[in-house]
Amino acid sequence: MKGARSTALALLVALIAFTALTASCSGGTTGVPADHLIPLGTWGGEGGGLIVGDTSMHLHVGCTYGDVSGRVPVDAEGRFDVAGSYMLRAYPITVGPTVPARFTGHIDGDRITITATVDDTVTHQTVVRGPVQLTLGEDPKLGPCPICRRPTVRAIRRPASWRWVAAGR
């Protein structure tokens, strides 16, 4: 009986060790969000900024910007590749139109690397913006070019002191 328990315990320890070893060697997906979506918030870094909201993603690389509709999914390795649109001539005066683009990159925890590959249908060439490396919660550093601020209103609260008054009263 004692020998069976020792063997079972040894197998359990070996299984735990094997699981820990394979988890540490599997490419490390610990930096991938549990919901497999790029986290909401403002991401910043040198030469770039990213605003991720409930319904869209907005990227600035230098004085240019692009948009993706919807939340951006990432795979088990933290990679993403989505279609969107891009404005190559955005500052100091926006000169359109927006053109098709692909946004590719990798997320690892609170850091993201992103590149926009733009199909400039105006000049008939491919333009690459990035890669830029950004950190969640950091301010974008874009030099003279401002980043768009697109606040997302989640709930509107009114102070108790506000009173709604019907017309004519």
Protein backbone atom coordinates (compact mmCIF):
# COMPACT_ATOMS: atom_id res chain seq x y z
CA MET A 1 0.00 0.00 0.00
CA LYS A 2 2.86 2.31 0.95
CA GLY A 3 4.64 1.60 -2.35
CA ALA A 4 1.51 2.43 -4.38
CA ARG A 5 1.16 5.78 -2.61
CA SER A 6 4.83 6.61 -3.22
CA THR A 7 4.47 5.73 -6.90
CA ALA A 8 1.29 7.81 -7.24
CA LEU A 9 2.95 10.76 -5.49
CA ALA A 10 6.03 10.46 -7.73
CA LEU A 11 3.82 10.42 -10.84
CA LEU A 12 1.89 13.47 -9.61
CA VAL A 13 5.11 15.41 -8.99
CA ALA A 14 6.42 14.41 -12.43
CA LEU A 15 3.15 15.51 -14.07
CA ILE A 16 3.26 18.90 -12.32
CA ALA A 17 6.90 19.40 -13.32
CA PHE A 18 6.16 18.41 -16.93
CA THR A 19 3.17 20.79 -17.08
CA ALA A 20 5.24 23.68 -15.72
CA LEU A 21 8.08 22.96 -18.15
CA THR A 22 5.87 22.76 -21.23
CA ALA A 23 3.97 25.90 -20.23
CA SER A 24 7.22 27.88 -19.94
CA CYS A 25 8.47 26.62 -23.31
CA SER A 26 5.27 26.99 -25.30
CA GLY A 27 6.00 30.46 -26.64
CA GLY A 28 4.59 32.31 -23.65
CA THR A 29 1.04 33.42 -24.17
CA THR A 30 0.88 35.06 -20.75
CA GLY A 31 0.83 38.51 -22.41
CA VAL A 32 -2.33 37.76 -24.40
CA PRO A 33 -5.54 39.26 -22.98
CA ALA A 34 -7.95 36.65 -21.64
CA ASP A 35 -10.73 37.89 -23.94
CA HIS A 36 -8.35 37.85 -26.98
CA LEU A 37 -9.11 41.52 -27.76
CA ILE A 38 -6.78 44.52 -27.69
CA PRO A 39 -7.53 46.17 -24.31
CA LEU A 40 -9.48 49.43 -24.14
CA GLY A 41 -7.62 52.65 -23.44
CA THR A 42 -5.01 55.04 -24.75
CA TRP A 43 -1.65 53.60 -25.76
CA GLY A 44 1.34 55.86 -26.29
CA GLY A 45 4.98 55.92 -27.25
CA GLU A 46 7.53 57.67 -29.41
CA GLY A 47 5.97 58.64 -32.75
CA GLY A 48 2.63 56.92 -32.17
CA GLY A 49 -0.62 56.77 -30.29
CA LEU A 50 -3.54 54.37 -30.20
CA ILE A 51 -7.05 54.84 -28.83
CA VAL A 52 -9.02 51.62 -28.39
CA GLY A 53 -12.71 52.03 -27.63
CA ASP A 54 -15.73 49.77 -27.36
CA THR A 55 -16.50 50.07 -31.07
CA SER A 56 -13.29 51.12 -32.82
CA MET A 57 -9.52 51.48 -32.84
CA HIS A 58 -7.84 54.76 -33.85
CA LEU A 59 -4.07 54.79 -34.61
CA HIS A 60 -1.74 57.74 -35.10
CA VAL A 61 1.70 57.26 -36.57
CA GLY A 62 3.36 60.63 -36.78
CA CYS A 63 1.04 63.09 -38.50
CA THR A 64 -1.12 60.39 -40.10
CA TYR A 65 -3.94 58.28 -38.71
CA GLY A 66 -6.10 55.25 -39.37
CA ASP A 67 -9.24 53.61 -38.10
CA VAL A 68 -10.58 50.10 -37.60
CA SER A 69 -14.25 49.45 -36.95
CA GLY A 70 -15.04 47.13 -34.05
CA ARG A 71 -12.80 45.51 -31.44
CA VAL A 72 -9.56 43.99 -32.71
CA PRO A 73 -9.09 40.28 -31.95
CA VAL A 74 -5.68 38.73 -31.24
CA ASP A 75 -4.69 35.10 -31.67
CA ALA A 76 -3.17 32.82 -29.03
CA GLU A 77 0.30 34.25 -29.83
CA GLY A 78 -0.91 37.86 -29.44
CA ARG A 79 -0.84 38.63 -33.19
CA PHE A 80 -3.48 40.57 -35.09
CA ASP A 81 -4.18 41.50 -38.71
CA VAL A 82 -7.26 43.59 -39.53
CA ALA A 83 -8.53 45.82 -42.32
CA GLY A 84 -9.37 49.48 -41.91
CA SER A 85 -8.89 52.88 -43.48
CA TYR A 86 -6.09 55.43 -43.35
CA MET A 87 -5.59 59.18 -43.79
CA LEU A 88 -2.06 59.79 -45.07
CA ARG A 89 -2.33 63.55 -45.40
CA ALA A 90 -3.75 64.55 -42.02
CA TYR A 91 -1.70 67.44 -40.65
CA PRO A 92 -1.69 70.44 -40.60
CA ILE A 93 -4.66 70.31 -42.97
CA THR A 94 -6.48 67.07 -43.67
CA VAL A 95 -6.52 66.27 -47.38
CA GLY A 96 -8.51 63.13 -48.18
CA PRO A 97 -9.70 60.71 -49.09
CA THR A 98 -9.12 57.92 -46.61
CA VAL A 99 -7.66 54.86 -48.29
CA PRO A 100 -7.68 51.11 -47.50
CA ALA A 101 -5.15 49.80 -44.97
CA ARG A 102 -4.15 46.69 -43.01
CA PHE A 103 -3.15 46.94 -39.38
CA THR A 104 -0.82 44.19 -38.19
CA GLY A 105 1.12 43.65 -35.05
CA HIS A 106 1.63 41.90 -31.76
CA ILE A 107 0.50 42.51 -28.20
CA ASP A 108 2.31 41.35 -25.09
CA GLY A 109 0.65 42.49 -21.87
CA ASP A 110 0.56 46.29 -21.78
CA ARG A 111 2.84 46.67 -24.82
CA ILE A 112 1.84 46.61 -28.46
CA THR A 113 3.79 46.85 -31.71
CA ILE A 114 1.68 47.93 -34.68
CA THR A 115 2.23 48.66 -38.38
CA ALA A 116 -0.17 50.14 -40.92
CA THR A 117 0.27 49.05 -44.53
CA VAL A 118 -1.65 51.52 -46.63
CA ASP A 119 -2.92 51.06 -50.19
CA ASP A 120 -2.59 54.67 -51.34
CA THR A 121 -5.10 54.60 -54.16
CA VAL A 122 -4.43 58.29 -54.86
CA THR A 123 -0.74 57.91 -55.73
CA HIS A 124 -1.03 54.21 -56.65
CA GLN A 125 1.59 52.97 -54.20
CA THR A 126 1.89 51.04 -50.96
CA VAL A 127 2.89 53.12 -47.95
CA VAL A 128 4.02 51.60 -44.64
CA ARG A 129 3.62 53.52 -41.37
CA GLY A 130 5.39 52.01 -38.40
CA PRO A 131 6.10 49.82 -36.72
CA VAL A 132 5.49 51.81 -33.55
CA GLN A 133 5.83 50.38 -30.08
CA LEU A 134 3.22 51.64 -27.65
CA THR A 135 2.39 51.12 -23.98
CA LEU A 136 -1.08 51.11 -22.45
CA GLY A 137 -1.65 54.20 -20.30
CA GLU A 138 1.32 56.15 -21.65
CA ASP A 139 0.98 59.47 -23.46
CA PRO A 140 1.55 59.50 -27.23
CA LYS A 141 4.63 61.48 -28.30
CA LEU A 142 3.81 62.83 -31.75
CA GLY A 143 5.79 66.07 -31.88
CA PRO A 144 3.70 68.85 -33.41
CA CYS A 145 0.89 66.52 -34.47
CA PRO A 146 -2.05 66.21 -32.08
CA ILE A 147 -3.69 62.88 -31.33
CA CYS A 148 -7.43 62.82 -31.71
CA ARG A 149 -9.34 62.56 -28.48
CA ARG A 150 -12.39 60.39 -28.89
CA PRO A 151 -13.97 60.10 -25.47
CA THR A 152 -16.29 57.18 -24.98
CA VAL A 153 -19.36 58.02 -22.92
CA ARG A 154 -20.31 54.96 -20.91
CA ALA A 155 -22.88 56.50 -18.58
CA ILE A 156 -24.16 59.97 -17.91
CA ARG A 157 -24.79 60.85 -14.29
CA ARG A 158 -26.52 63.99 -13.27
CA PRO A 159 -25.98 65.59 -9.89
CA ALA A 160 -28.88 65.27 -7.46
CA SER A 161 -29.11 69.07 -7.45
CA TRP A 162 -30.24 69.11 -11.12
CA ARG A 163 -33.97 69.40 -11.47
CA TRP A 164 -35.88 68.67 -14.63
CA VAL A 165 -38.55 71.30 -15.17
CA ALA A 166 -41.42 70.65 -17.56
CA ALA A 167 -41.98 73.34 -20.18
CA GLY A 168 -44.44 76.01 -19.11
CA ARG A 169 -44.02 75.49 -15.33
